[in-house]
Amino acid sequence: MNIISWFEIPASNFNRAVKFYRNTLEVEIELHNFNGIAHGVFKIPGEPANRITGAIIDCPEKRSDNVGPVLFFSAGTEMVEVLNRIVAEGGKILLNKTLIRDIISKDKAIIPKTLIDHNVGYYAYFLDSEGNKMGLFSNS
């Protein structure tokens, strides 16, 4: 598995950003709603096993130092241990380990196989020692 698993590009105007990337890169972008956040996922033809992909995410918050593209690092099978090491090294947990869910409607969600490796997945956000917002991904 690659050390980087996923990326996110925040967009204050989600529809405009999806149109921009579709037209400039001439790529297919699938629309999803993961954990209540709109995602425009870049589709990679053929989906090779070692590919890295990501999404445009709806991020209406005012731009700040910790809002920018987010790289998701592989946490292997022990995300909690990695989160503990982040804190021990001076980082800060922004969002603890969270199951990825596909929100179908207000009252219905499914647990999808992820677009990273087609298994159930978890993610977390943290600030590194320099204040950069980063993410972790794990299957367990």
N, C-alpha and C. Protein backbone atom coordinates (compact mmCIF):
# COMPACT_ATOMS: atom_id res chain seq x y z
N MET A 1 0.85 -1.18 0.00
CA MET A 1 0.00 0.00 0.00
C MET A 1 0.89 1.24 0.00
N ASN A 2 0.45 2.28 -0.70
CA ASN A 2 1.17 3.54 -0.72
C ASN A 2 1.09 4.22 0.64
N ILE A 3 2.11 5.02 0.98
CA ILE A 3 2.07 5.77 2.23
C ILE A 3 1.00 6.85 2.18
N ILE A 4 0.76 7.43 1.00
CA ILE A 4 -0.33 8.38 0.82
C ILE A 4 -1.48 7.62 0.17
N SER A 5 -2.66 7.69 0.80
CA SER A 5 -3.82 6.91 0.36
C SER A 5 -4.86 7.73 -0.37
N TRP A 6 -4.94 9.03 -0.09
CA TRP A 6 -6.09 9.83 -0.54
C TRP A 6 -5.71 11.29 -0.44
N PHE A 7 -6.35 12.16 -1.21
CA PHE A 7 -6.19 13.60 -1.05
C PHE A 7 -7.56 14.26 -1.11
N GLU A 8 -7.67 15.43 -0.50
CA GLU A 8 -8.90 16.21 -0.56
C GLU A 8 -8.56 17.64 -0.93
N ILE A 9 -9.35 18.21 -1.84
CA ILE A 9 -9.20 19.59 -2.26
C ILE A 9 -10.43 20.34 -1.76
N PRO A 10 -10.28 21.24 -0.77
CA PRO A 10 -11.45 21.95 -0.26
C PRO A 10 -11.95 22.98 -1.27
N ALA A 11 -13.27 23.14 -1.31
CA ALA A 11 -13.87 24.10 -2.24
C ALA A 11 -14.94 24.91 -1.53
N SER A 12 -14.82 26.22 -1.57
CA SER A 12 -15.85 27.07 -0.97
C SER A 12 -17.10 27.11 -1.86
N ASN A 13 -16.92 26.85 -3.16
CA ASN A 13 -18.05 26.73 -4.10
C ASN A 13 -17.89 25.37 -4.78
N PHE A 14 -18.53 24.36 -4.19
CA PHE A 14 -18.35 22.97 -4.61
C PHE A 14 -18.66 22.76 -6.09
N ASN A 15 -19.81 23.23 -6.55
CA ASN A 15 -20.20 23.01 -7.95
C ASN A 15 -19.22 23.67 -8.92
N ARG A 16 -18.77 24.86 -8.60
CA ARG A 16 -17.80 25.55 -9.45
C ARG A 16 -16.50 24.75 -9.52
N ALA A 17 -16.05 24.23 -8.37
CA ALA A 17 -14.79 23.48 -8.34
C ALA A 17 -14.91 22.17 -9.13
N VAL A 18 -16.04 21.47 -8.99
CA VAL A 18 -16.24 20.22 -9.75
C VAL A 18 -16.19 20.52 -11.24
N LYS A 19 -16.88 21.56 -11.66
CA LYS A 19 -16.88 21.95 -13.08
C LYS A 19 -15.47 22.31 -13.55
N PHE A 20 -14.74 23.06 -12.72
CA PHE A 20 -13.37 23.45 -13.06
C PHE A 20 -12.50 22.23 -13.31
N TYR A 21 -12.47 21.27 -12.37
CA TYR A 21 -11.60 20.10 -12.51
C TYR A 21 -12.07 19.17 -13.62
N ARG A 22 -13.38 19.00 -13.77
CA ARG A 22 -13.89 18.18 -14.88
C ARG A 22 -13.42 18.74 -16.22
N ASN A 23 -13.56 20.04 -16.38
CA ASN A 23 -13.25 20.66 -17.67
C ASN A 23 -11.76 20.86 -17.91
N THR A 24 -11.01 21.22 -16.89
CA THR A 24 -9.59 21.48 -17.11
C THR A 24 -8.78 20.19 -17.23
N LEU A 25 -9.13 19.18 -16.43
CA LEU A 25 -8.38 17.92 -16.48
C LEU A 25 -9.04 16.87 -17.37
N GLU A 26 -10.26 17.18 -17.83
CA GLU A 26 -11.03 16.24 -18.66
C GLU A 26 -11.12 14.87 -18.00
N VAL A 27 -11.59 14.88 -16.75
CA VAL A 27 -11.74 13.64 -15.97
C VAL A 27 -13.19 13.49 -15.53
N GLU A 28 -13.57 12.25 -15.25
CA GLU A 28 -14.88 11.98 -14.68
C GLU A 28 -14.82 12.20 -13.18
N ILE A 29 -15.83 12.87 -12.65
CA ILE A 29 -15.92 13.11 -11.21
C ILE A 29 -17.28 12.62 -10.74
N GLU A 30 -17.28 11.65 -9.82
CA GLU A 30 -18.52 11.10 -9.26
C GLU A 30 -18.90 11.87 -8.01
N LEU A 31 -20.18 12.20 -7.86
CA LEU A 31 -20.65 12.93 -6.69
C LEU A 31 -21.13 11.96 -5.62
N HIS A 32 -20.67 12.17 -4.38
CA HIS A 32 -21.05 11.36 -3.22
C HIS A 32 -21.30 12.29 -2.04
N ASN A 33 -21.93 11.76 -1.00
CA ASN A 33 -22.12 12.48 0.25
C ASN A 33 -21.60 11.58 1.35
N PHE A 34 -20.36 11.79 1.75
CA PHE A 34 -19.74 10.96 2.79
C PHE A 34 -19.80 11.70 4.11
N ASN A 35 -20.41 11.08 5.11
CA ASN A 35 -20.53 11.65 6.46
C ASN A 35 -21.07 13.06 6.43
N GLY A 36 -22.02 13.32 5.52
CA GLY A 36 -22.67 14.62 5.46
C GLY A 36 -21.92 15.68 4.69
N ILE A 37 -20.82 15.32 4.03
CA ILE A 37 -20.01 16.28 3.28
C ILE A 37 -20.01 15.88 1.81
N ALA A 38 -20.36 16.82 0.94
CA ALA A 38 -20.35 16.54 -0.50
C ALA A 38 -18.92 16.29 -0.96
N HIS A 39 -18.73 15.21 -1.72
CA HIS A 39 -17.43 14.84 -2.29
C HIS A 39 -17.58 14.68 -3.80
N GLY A 40 -16.67 15.23 -4.56
CA GLY A 40 -16.56 14.99 -5.99
C GLY A 40 -15.32 14.13 -6.19
N VAL A 41 -15.51 12.84 -6.37
CA VAL A 41 -14.40 11.87 -6.39
C VAL A 41 -13.85 11.72 -7.81
N PHE A 42 -12.54 11.90 -7.94
CA PHE A 42 -11.87 11.72 -9.23
C PHE A 42 -11.87 10.24 -9.58
N LYS A 43 -12.41 9.89 -10.74
CA LYS A 43 -12.42 8.50 -11.20
C LYS A 43 -11.18 8.26 -12.04
N ILE A 44 -10.46 7.20 -11.71
CA ILE A 44 -9.25 6.83 -12.43
C ILE A 44 -9.60 5.62 -13.30
N PRO A 45 -9.48 5.72 -14.62
CA PRO A 45 -9.82 4.59 -15.50
C PRO A 45 -9.02 3.34 -15.13
N GLY A 46 -9.71 2.21 -15.09
CA GLY A 46 -9.05 0.94 -14.82
C GLY A 46 -8.79 0.67 -13.36
N GLU A 47 -8.77 1.67 -12.54
CA GLU A 47 -8.56 1.56 -11.11
C GLU A 47 -7.49 0.55 -10.72
N PRO A 48 -6.23 0.82 -11.06
CA PRO A 48 -5.16 -0.10 -10.64
C PRO A 48 -5.05 -0.17 -9.12
N ALA A 49 -4.56 -1.29 -8.65
CA ALA A 49 -4.50 -1.54 -7.21
C ALA A 49 -3.68 -0.51 -6.44
N ASN A 50 -2.64 0.03 -7.02
CA ASN A 50 -1.76 0.95 -6.30
C ASN A 50 -2.00 2.41 -6.64
N ARG A 51 -3.16 2.74 -7.15
CA ARG A 51 -3.43 4.12 -7.54
C ARG A 51 -3.68 4.98 -6.30
N ILE A 52 -3.50 6.27 -6.47
CA ILE A 52 -3.86 7.25 -5.45
C ILE A 52 -4.91 8.15 -6.09
N THR A 53 -6.02 8.35 -5.40
CA THR A 53 -7.03 9.26 -5.90
C THR A 53 -7.55 10.09 -4.74
N GLY A 54 -8.50 10.94 -5.02
CA GLY A 54 -9.03 11.80 -3.98
C GLY A 54 -10.28 12.50 -4.45
N ALA A 55 -10.62 13.59 -3.76
CA ALA A 55 -11.89 14.25 -4.03
C ALA A 55 -11.83 15.75 -3.77
N ILE A 56 -12.72 16.44 -4.45
CA ILE A 56 -13.04 17.83 -4.12
C ILE A 56 -14.06 17.72 -3.00
N ILE A 57 -13.91 18.50 -1.92
CA ILE A 57 -14.88 18.43 -0.83
C ILE A 57 -15.52 19.80 -0.61
N ASP A 58 -16.80 19.78 -0.29
CA ASP A 58 -17.52 21.01 0.01
C ASP A 58 -17.03 21.54 1.34
N CYS A 59 -16.43 22.71 1.33
CA CYS A 59 -15.81 23.29 2.52
C CYS A 59 -16.17 24.77 2.58
N PRO A 60 -17.40 25.09 3.00
CA PRO A 60 -17.83 26.48 2.98
C PRO A 60 -17.19 27.37 4.04
N GLU A 61 -16.39 26.77 4.95
CA GLU A 61 -15.76 27.58 5.99
C GLU A 61 -14.83 28.61 5.38
N LYS A 62 -14.62 29.67 6.13
CA LYS A 62 -13.67 30.69 5.70
C LYS A 62 -12.28 30.07 5.64
N ARG A 63 -11.53 30.40 4.61
CA ARG A 63 -10.17 29.87 4.46
C ARG A 63 -9.33 30.28 5.67
N SER A 64 -8.53 29.35 6.17
CA SER A 64 -7.65 29.64 7.30
C SER A 64 -6.39 28.81 7.12
N ASP A 65 -5.50 28.92 8.09
CA ASP A 65 -4.23 28.22 7.98
C ASP A 65 -4.38 26.71 7.86
N ASN A 66 -5.41 26.13 8.50
CA ASN A 66 -5.53 24.67 8.45
C ASN A 66 -6.61 24.20 7.49
N VAL A 67 -6.99 25.04 6.52
CA VAL A 67 -7.90 24.63 5.45
C VAL A 67 -7.13 24.70 4.14
N GLY A 68 -6.88 23.57 3.56
CA GLY A 68 -6.15 23.47 2.30
C GLY A 68 -6.20 22.03 1.85
N PRO A 69 -5.49 21.68 0.80
CA PRO A 69 -5.46 20.27 0.40
C PRO A 69 -4.98 19.39 1.56
N VAL A 70 -5.62 18.25 1.73
CA VAL A 70 -5.28 17.34 2.82
C VAL A 70 -4.78 16.03 2.23
N LEU A 71 -3.60 15.61 2.66
CA LEU A 71 -3.06 14.30 2.30
C LEU A 71 -3.46 13.32 3.38
N PHE A 72 -3.89 12.12 2.97
CA PHE A 72 -4.23 11.07 3.92
C PHE A 72 -3.14 10.02 3.89
N PHE A 73 -2.50 9.82 5.04
CA PHE A 73 -1.44 8.82 5.17
C PHE A 73 -2.04 7.50 5.63
N SER A 74 -1.47 6.41 5.16
CA SER A 74 -1.92 5.09 5.59
C SER A 74 -1.53 4.87 7.04
N ALA A 75 -2.50 4.48 7.87
CA ALA A 75 -2.23 4.18 9.28
C ALA A 75 -2.08 2.69 9.49
N GLY A 76 -2.02 1.93 8.42
CA GLY A 76 -1.91 0.48 8.55
C GLY A 76 -3.12 -0.07 9.26
N THR A 77 -2.91 -1.01 10.17
CA THR A 77 -4.03 -1.62 10.89
C THR A 77 -4.21 -1.06 12.29
N GLU A 78 -3.36 -0.14 12.71
CA GLU A 78 -3.40 0.36 14.09
C GLU A 78 -3.55 1.87 14.13
N MET A 79 -4.68 2.40 13.66
CA MET A 79 -4.87 3.84 13.63
C MET A 79 -4.78 4.47 15.01
N VAL A 80 -5.35 3.83 16.02
CA VAL A 80 -5.33 4.40 17.37
C VAL A 80 -3.89 4.58 17.85
N GLU A 81 -3.02 3.63 17.58
CA GLU A 81 -1.61 3.76 17.96
C GLU A 81 -0.96 4.94 17.24
N VAL A 82 -1.26 5.11 15.96
CA VAL A 82 -0.71 6.24 15.21
C VAL A 82 -1.22 7.55 15.79
N LEU A 83 -2.51 7.63 16.11
CA LEU A 83 -3.07 8.85 16.72
C LEU A 83 -2.39 9.15 18.05
N ASN A 84 -2.13 8.13 18.85
CA ASN A 84 -1.42 8.33 20.12
C ASN A 84 -0.02 8.87 19.90
N ARG A 85 0.67 8.38 18.87
CA ARG A 85 2.02 8.87 18.57
C ARG A 85 1.98 10.32 18.08
N ILE A 86 0.93 10.68 17.34
CA ILE A 86 0.79 12.07 16.88
C ILE A 86 0.75 13.01 18.08
N VAL A 87 -0.07 12.68 19.06
CA VAL A 87 -0.19 13.51 20.26
C VAL A 87 1.14 13.54 21.02
N ALA A 88 1.78 12.38 21.15
CA ALA A 88 3.06 12.30 21.87
C ALA A 88 4.14 13.16 21.22
N GLU A 89 4.06 13.34 19.91
CA GLU A 89 5.06 14.12 19.19
C GLU A 89 4.67 15.59 19.02
N GLY A 90 3.60 16.01 19.70
CA GLY A 90 3.23 17.42 19.66
C GLY A 90 2.15 17.78 18.67
N GLY A 91 1.56 16.78 18.01
CA GLY A 91 0.45 17.05 17.09
C GLY A 91 -0.86 17.15 17.86
N LYS A 92 -1.93 17.47 17.15
CA LYS A 92 -3.24 17.62 17.77
C LYS A 92 -4.27 16.85 16.94
N ILE A 93 -5.11 16.08 17.60
CA ILE A 93 -6.17 15.34 16.92
C ILE A 93 -7.35 16.28 16.68
N LEU A 94 -7.74 16.42 15.42
CA LEU A 94 -8.90 17.26 15.08
C LEU A 94 -10.18 16.43 15.00
N LEU A 95 -10.07 15.20 14.51
CA LEU A 95 -11.21 14.27 14.43
C LEU A 95 -10.67 12.87 14.67
N ASN A 96 -11.17 12.23 15.73
CA ASN A 96 -10.73 10.87 16.04
C ASN A 96 -11.20 9.88 14.97
N LYS A 97 -10.72 8.67 15.06
CA LYS A 97 -11.07 7.59 14.13
C LYS A 97 -12.57 7.56 13.89
N THR A 98 -12.96 7.64 12.61
CA THR A 98 -14.37 7.74 12.23
C THR A 98 -14.66 6.79 11.07
N LEU A 99 -15.73 6.03 11.18
CA LEU A 99 -16.15 5.13 10.11
C LEU A 99 -16.65 5.94 8.93
N ILE A 100 -16.24 5.58 7.72
CA ILE A 100 -16.71 6.25 6.51
C ILE A 100 -18.10 5.70 6.18
N ARG A 101 -19.07 6.61 6.07
CA ARG A 101 -20.45 6.24 5.74
C ARG A 101 -20.91 7.04 4.53
N ASP A 102 -21.68 6.43 3.68
CA ASP A 102 -22.27 7.11 2.52
C ASP A 102 -23.70 7.49 2.90
N ILE A 103 -23.95 8.81 3.05
CA ILE A 103 -25.26 9.29 3.46
C ILE A 103 -26.20 9.26 2.26
N ILE A 104 -27.22 8.43 2.32
CA ILE A 104 -28.19 8.28 1.23
C ILE A 104 -29.29 9.32 1.37
N SER A 105 -29.78 9.52 2.59
CA SER A 105 -30.81 10.52 2.88
C SER A 105 -30.64 10.92 4.34
N LYS A 106 -31.51 11.82 4.81
CA LYS A 106 -31.42 12.29 6.20
C LYS A 106 -31.43 11.14 7.21
N ASP A 107 -32.21 10.11 6.92
CA ASP A 107 -32.37 9.00 7.87
C ASP A 107 -31.71 7.70 7.44
N LYS A 108 -30.94 7.72 6.36
CA LYS A 108 -30.38 6.47 5.86
C LYS A 108 -28.93 6.66 5.42
N ALA A 109 -28.09 5.75 5.88
CA ALA A 109 -26.68 5.74 5.49
C ALA A 109 -26.25 4.30 5.29
N ILE A 110 -25.27 4.10 4.44
CA ILE A 110 -24.69 2.77 4.26
C ILE A 110 -23.20 2.85 4.54
N ILE A 111 -22.63 1.71 4.85
CA ILE A 111 -21.19 1.63 5.04
C ILE A 111 -20.62 1.08 3.75
N PRO A 112 -20.03 1.95 2.93
CA PRO A 112 -19.57 1.51 1.61
C PRO A 112 -18.18 0.89 1.66
N LYS A 113 -17.85 0.18 0.62
CA LYS A 113 -16.45 -0.18 0.40
C LYS A 113 -15.79 1.08 -0.11
N THR A 114 -14.62 1.42 0.42
CA THR A 114 -14.00 2.70 0.09
C THR A 114 -13.51 2.74 -1.34
N LEU A 115 -13.29 3.95 -1.81
CA LEU A 115 -12.75 4.16 -3.14
C LEU A 115 -11.23 4.03 -3.15
N ILE A 116 -10.64 3.84 -1.98
CA ILE A 116 -9.19 3.68 -1.88
C ILE A 116 -8.80 2.24 -2.18
N ASP A 117 -9.42 1.28 -1.47
CA ASP A 117 -9.03 -0.11 -1.67
C ASP A 117 -10.21 -1.08 -1.68
N HIS A 118 -11.42 -0.54 -1.77
CA HIS A 118 -12.64 -1.35 -1.87
C HIS A 118 -12.90 -2.21 -0.63
N ASN A 119 -12.50 -1.71 0.54
CA ASN A 119 -12.81 -2.32 1.82
C ASN A 119 -13.48 -1.27 2.70
N VAL A 120 -14.06 -1.68 3.83
CA VAL A 120 -14.60 -0.72 4.80
C VAL A 120 -13.43 0.13 5.28
N GLY A 121 -13.67 1.42 5.52
CA GLY A 121 -12.57 2.29 5.90
C GLY A 121 -12.89 3.25 7.03
N TYR A 122 -11.83 3.74 7.65
CA TYR A 122 -11.90 4.72 8.72
C TYR A 122 -10.95 5.86 8.39
N TYR A 123 -11.25 7.04 8.93
CA TYR A 123 -10.37 8.17 8.72
C TYR A 123 -10.28 9.01 9.99
N ALA A 124 -9.28 9.86 10.04
CA ALA A 124 -9.10 10.80 11.14
C ALA A 124 -8.36 12.01 10.59
N TYR A 125 -8.53 13.15 11.26
CA TYR A 125 -7.80 14.37 10.91
C TYR A 125 -6.91 14.77 12.07
N PHE A 126 -5.76 15.35 11.76
CA PHE A 126 -4.86 15.85 12.79
C PHE A 126 -4.08 17.05 12.28
N LEU A 127 -3.53 17.82 13.23
CA LEU A 127 -2.57 18.86 12.89
C LEU A 127 -1.20 18.30 13.19
N ASP A 128 -0.27 18.48 12.25
CA ASP A 128 1.09 18.01 12.50
C ASP A 128 1.83 19.02 13.37
N SER A 129 3.10 18.77 13.62
CA SER A 129 3.89 19.64 14.49
C SER A 129 4.03 21.05 13.96
N GLU A 130 3.78 21.25 12.66
CA GLU A 130 3.91 22.57 12.05
C GLU A 130 2.56 23.25 11.82
N GLY A 131 1.48 22.62 12.28
CA GLY A 131 0.15 23.20 12.12
C GLY A 131 -0.55 22.85 10.83
N ASN A 132 0.00 21.91 10.05
CA ASN A 132 -0.64 21.48 8.80
C ASN A 132 -1.72 20.45 9.10
N LYS A 133 -2.90 20.63 8.49
CA LYS A 133 -3.98 19.66 8.64
C LYS A 133 -3.70 18.48 7.72
N MET A 134 -3.68 17.28 8.29
CA MET A 134 -3.42 16.04 7.56
C MET A 134 -4.48 15.01 7.95
N GLY A 135 -4.48 13.89 7.25
CA GLY A 135 -5.44 12.84 7.55
C GLY A 135 -4.77 11.48 7.64
N LEU A 136 -5.49 10.55 8.24
CA LEU A 136 -5.07 9.14 8.31
C LEU A 136 -6.19 8.29 7.72
N PHE A 137 -5.83 7.18 7.11
CA PHE A 137 -6.79 6.21 6.58
C PHE A 137 -6.39 4.83 7.05
N SER A 138 -7.39 4.01 7.39
CA SER A 138 -7.14 2.62 7.80
C SER A 138 -8.38 1.79 7.49
N ASN A 139 -8.17 0.49 7.31
CA ASN A 139 -9.28 -0.44 7.11
C ASN A 139 -9.79 -1.02 8.41
N SER A 140 -9.08 -0.76 9.50
CA SER A 140 -9.52 -1.35 10.78
C SER A 140 -9.32 -0.38 11.92
